[in-house]
N, C-alpha and C. Protein backbone atom coordinates (compact mmCIF):
# COMPACT_ATOMS: atom_id res chain seq x y z
N MET A 1 -100.99 40.43 51.86
CA MET A 1 -100.11 39.75 50.95
C MET A 1 -100.02 38.26 51.29
N ALA A 2 -100.82 37.79 52.19
CA ALA A 2 -100.82 36.37 52.51
C ALA A 2 -101.56 35.59 51.44
N GLN A 3 -101.44 34.28 51.51
CA GLN A 3 -102.14 33.42 50.55
C GLN A 3 -103.64 33.59 50.72
N PRO A 4 -104.36 33.85 49.62
CA PRO A 4 -105.82 34.00 49.71
C PRO A 4 -106.47 32.69 50.16
N ALA A 5 -107.41 32.78 51.07
CA ALA A 5 -108.10 31.59 51.57
C ALA A 5 -109.02 31.02 50.51
N GLY A 6 -109.00 29.71 50.39
CA GLY A 6 -109.93 29.04 49.50
C GLY A 6 -109.57 29.01 48.04
N GLU A 7 -108.43 29.54 47.65
CA GLU A 7 -108.04 29.51 46.24
C GLU A 7 -107.09 28.35 46.00
N PRO A 8 -107.24 27.65 44.88
CA PRO A 8 -106.38 26.50 44.60
C PRO A 8 -104.96 26.92 44.23
N GLY A 9 -104.04 26.01 44.42
CA GLY A 9 -102.66 26.26 44.00
C GLY A 9 -101.86 27.01 45.03
N PRO A 10 -100.55 26.97 44.87
CA PRO A 10 -99.66 27.61 45.84
C PRO A 10 -99.45 29.09 45.54
N LEU A 11 -100.49 29.90 45.69
CA LEU A 11 -100.33 31.33 45.43
C LEU A 11 -99.46 31.96 46.51
N PHE A 12 -98.53 32.76 46.09
CA PHE A 12 -97.62 33.42 47.01
C PHE A 12 -98.16 34.79 47.39
N LEU A 13 -98.68 35.51 46.40
CA LEU A 13 -99.23 36.84 46.63
C LEU A 13 -100.70 36.89 46.28
N ARG A 14 -101.46 37.61 47.04
CA ARG A 14 -102.81 37.92 46.59
C ARG A 14 -102.68 39.05 45.58
N SER A 15 -103.74 39.38 44.88
CA SER A 15 -103.64 40.43 43.87
C SER A 15 -103.26 41.74 44.55
N VAL A 16 -102.37 42.47 43.93
CA VAL A 16 -101.94 43.74 44.51
C VAL A 16 -102.57 44.91 43.81
N SER A 17 -103.25 44.66 42.69
CA SER A 17 -103.85 45.76 41.96
C SER A 17 -105.36 45.63 41.83
N ALA A 18 -105.95 44.64 42.46
CA ALA A 18 -107.39 44.48 42.37
C ALA A 18 -108.08 45.72 42.91
N GLY A 19 -109.02 46.22 42.17
CA GLY A 19 -109.76 47.39 42.61
C GLY A 19 -109.13 48.71 42.23
N ARG A 20 -107.94 48.71 41.69
CA ARG A 20 -107.31 49.95 41.26
C ARG A 20 -107.68 50.21 39.81
N PRO A 21 -108.15 51.40 39.51
CA PRO A 21 -108.52 51.69 38.12
C PRO A 21 -107.31 51.73 37.21
N GLY A 22 -107.47 51.21 36.02
CA GLY A 22 -106.42 51.29 35.01
C GLY A 22 -105.29 50.31 35.17
N THR A 23 -105.44 49.31 36.02
CA THR A 23 -104.34 48.37 36.21
C THR A 23 -104.45 47.15 35.31
N GLY A 24 -105.59 46.98 34.68
CA GLY A 24 -105.73 45.86 33.76
C GLY A 24 -106.05 44.54 34.41
N GLY A 25 -106.41 44.54 35.67
CA GLY A 25 -106.84 43.29 36.28
C GLY A 25 -106.00 42.86 37.45
N VAL A 26 -106.13 41.61 37.75
CA VAL A 26 -105.50 41.04 38.93
C VAL A 26 -104.06 40.66 38.64
N VAL A 27 -103.20 40.92 39.58
CA VAL A 27 -101.81 40.52 39.46
C VAL A 27 -101.52 39.53 40.57
N SER A 28 -101.12 38.34 40.22
CA SER A 28 -100.71 37.37 41.22
C SER A 28 -99.57 36.55 40.64
N ALA A 29 -98.86 35.89 41.49
CA ALA A 29 -97.73 35.11 41.00
C ALA A 29 -97.67 33.80 41.76
N ARG A 30 -97.32 32.74 41.08
CA ARG A 30 -97.18 31.43 41.72
C ARG A 30 -95.77 31.32 42.30
N VAL A 31 -95.65 30.52 43.33
CA VAL A 31 -94.34 30.28 43.93
C VAL A 31 -93.41 29.76 42.85
N GLY A 32 -92.21 30.28 42.80
CA GLY A 32 -91.26 29.85 41.79
C GLY A 32 -91.12 30.87 40.67
N ASP A 33 -92.08 31.73 40.51
CA ASP A 33 -91.99 32.79 39.51
C ASP A 33 -91.47 34.03 40.22
N ARG A 34 -90.19 34.05 40.46
CA ARG A 34 -89.59 35.14 41.24
C ARG A 34 -89.75 36.48 40.55
N ALA A 35 -89.65 36.50 39.23
CA ALA A 35 -89.81 37.75 38.49
C ALA A 35 -91.23 38.28 38.67
N GLY A 36 -92.21 37.40 38.59
CA GLY A 36 -93.60 37.82 38.74
C GLY A 36 -93.89 38.36 40.13
N VAL A 37 -93.35 37.70 41.13
CA VAL A 37 -93.54 38.14 42.51
C VAL A 37 -92.92 39.52 42.71
N LEU A 38 -91.70 39.68 42.27
CA LEU A 38 -91.01 40.96 42.43
C LEU A 38 -91.73 42.07 41.68
N LEU A 39 -92.14 41.80 40.45
CA LEU A 39 -92.84 42.82 39.67
C LEU A 39 -94.19 43.18 40.29
N ALA A 40 -94.87 42.22 40.88
CA ALA A 40 -96.14 42.51 41.54
C ALA A 40 -95.94 43.46 42.71
N VAL A 41 -94.90 43.22 43.49
CA VAL A 41 -94.61 44.10 44.62
C VAL A 41 -94.19 45.48 44.13
N LEU A 42 -93.32 45.53 43.13
CA LEU A 42 -92.89 46.81 42.58
C LEU A 42 -94.06 47.58 41.98
N ARG A 43 -94.96 46.87 41.31
CA ARG A 43 -96.14 47.52 40.72
C ARG A 43 -96.99 48.17 41.82
N ALA A 44 -97.17 47.47 42.92
CA ALA A 44 -97.94 48.03 44.03
C ALA A 44 -97.29 49.29 44.58
N GLU A 45 -95.96 49.27 44.69
CA GLU A 45 -95.24 50.44 45.19
C GLU A 45 -95.35 51.62 44.23
N VAL A 46 -95.21 51.35 42.93
CA VAL A 46 -95.31 52.43 41.94
C VAL A 46 -96.73 52.99 41.93
N GLU A 47 -97.73 52.12 42.00
CA GLU A 47 -99.12 52.59 42.01
C GLU A 47 -99.42 53.42 43.26
N ALA A 48 -98.82 53.06 44.38
CA ALA A 48 -98.98 53.85 45.60
C ALA A 48 -98.35 55.23 45.42
N ALA A 49 -97.20 55.28 44.75
CA ALA A 49 -96.55 56.57 44.48
C ALA A 49 -97.41 57.42 43.55
N VAL A 50 -98.06 56.80 42.57
CA VAL A 50 -98.97 57.53 41.68
C VAL A 50 -100.14 58.07 42.49
N ASP A 51 -100.70 57.24 43.35
CA ASP A 51 -101.84 57.65 44.18
C ASP A 51 -101.48 58.82 45.09
N ARG A 52 -100.24 58.86 45.58
CA ARG A 52 -99.79 59.95 46.45
C ARG A 52 -99.36 61.18 45.67
N GLY A 53 -99.31 61.07 44.35
CA GLY A 53 -98.92 62.21 43.52
C GLY A 53 -97.42 62.41 43.40
N VAL A 54 -96.64 61.42 43.78
CA VAL A 54 -95.18 61.52 43.69
C VAL A 54 -94.74 61.48 42.23
N VAL A 55 -95.39 60.62 41.44
CA VAL A 55 -95.12 60.53 40.00
C VAL A 55 -96.46 60.52 39.26
N THR A 56 -96.43 60.85 37.98
CA THR A 56 -97.64 60.78 37.17
C THR A 56 -97.89 59.34 36.75
N ARG A 57 -99.10 59.04 36.27
CA ARG A 57 -99.41 57.69 35.82
C ARG A 57 -98.48 57.29 34.67
N GLY A 58 -98.21 58.21 33.74
CA GLY A 58 -97.31 57.91 32.62
C GLY A 58 -95.90 57.60 33.09
N GLU A 59 -95.40 58.38 34.04
CA GLU A 59 -94.07 58.11 34.59
C GLU A 59 -94.04 56.76 35.30
N GLY A 60 -95.10 56.45 36.01
CA GLY A 60 -95.18 55.16 36.69
C GLY A 60 -95.15 54.00 35.72
N GLN A 61 -95.87 54.13 34.61
CA GLN A 61 -95.88 53.08 33.59
C GLN A 61 -94.51 52.92 32.95
N GLU A 62 -93.82 54.04 32.73
CA GLU A 62 -92.48 53.97 32.15
C GLU A 62 -91.51 53.28 33.12
N VAL A 63 -91.60 53.63 34.39
CA VAL A 63 -90.75 53.00 35.40
C VAL A 63 -91.01 51.50 35.45
N LEU A 64 -92.28 51.09 35.43
CA LEU A 64 -92.62 49.67 35.47
C LEU A 64 -92.10 48.93 34.25
N ALA A 65 -92.18 49.56 33.08
CA ALA A 65 -91.68 48.91 31.86
C ALA A 65 -90.17 48.69 31.96
N ARG A 66 -89.45 49.68 32.46
CA ARG A 66 -88.00 49.54 32.60
C ARG A 66 -87.64 48.51 33.68
N LEU A 67 -88.39 48.54 34.78
CA LEU A 67 -88.14 47.56 35.84
C LEU A 67 -88.41 46.14 35.37
N ALA A 68 -89.42 45.96 34.53
CA ALA A 68 -89.73 44.62 34.01
C ALA A 68 -88.55 44.05 33.24
N ILE A 69 -87.89 44.89 32.46
CA ILE A 69 -86.73 44.44 31.69
C ILE A 69 -85.59 44.05 32.63
N VAL A 70 -85.31 44.92 33.59
CA VAL A 70 -84.21 44.67 34.53
C VAL A 70 -84.47 43.42 35.37
N VAL A 71 -85.69 43.29 35.88
CA VAL A 71 -86.03 42.12 36.70
C VAL A 71 -85.93 40.85 35.89
N ASP A 72 -86.44 40.86 34.67
CA ASP A 72 -86.38 39.68 33.81
C ASP A 72 -84.93 39.26 33.57
N GLN A 73 -84.07 40.23 33.29
CA GLN A 73 -82.66 39.92 33.05
C GLN A 73 -81.98 39.40 34.31
N ALA A 74 -82.30 40.01 35.45
CA ALA A 74 -81.66 39.60 36.70
C ALA A 74 -82.11 38.21 37.14
N VAL A 75 -83.39 37.94 37.05
CA VAL A 75 -83.92 36.67 37.52
C VAL A 75 -83.56 35.53 36.59
N HIS A 76 -83.56 35.79 35.30
CA HIS A 76 -83.30 34.73 34.34
C HIS A 76 -81.85 34.70 33.87
N GLY A 77 -80.99 35.47 34.53
CA GLY A 77 -79.55 35.38 34.30
C GLY A 77 -79.06 35.84 32.94
N ARG A 78 -79.72 36.83 32.38
CA ARG A 78 -79.27 37.34 31.08
C ARG A 78 -78.56 38.65 31.24
């Protein structure tokens, strides 16, 4: 989760979903985008739970959708 070497800009997180099937690509967040950083970490945790069989992929996607709403409201003060 450290800053990737050799990449421009102040990246806070390296991609947390790179190499995982069905994730839609790389997830990273720039410093200052607190919602993006938090969602990236939560996404990694949910995907790990899916990989361990704790929840299904559909349940994981539903949880992430709900978390995205809550995080957005919390971070942006709505």
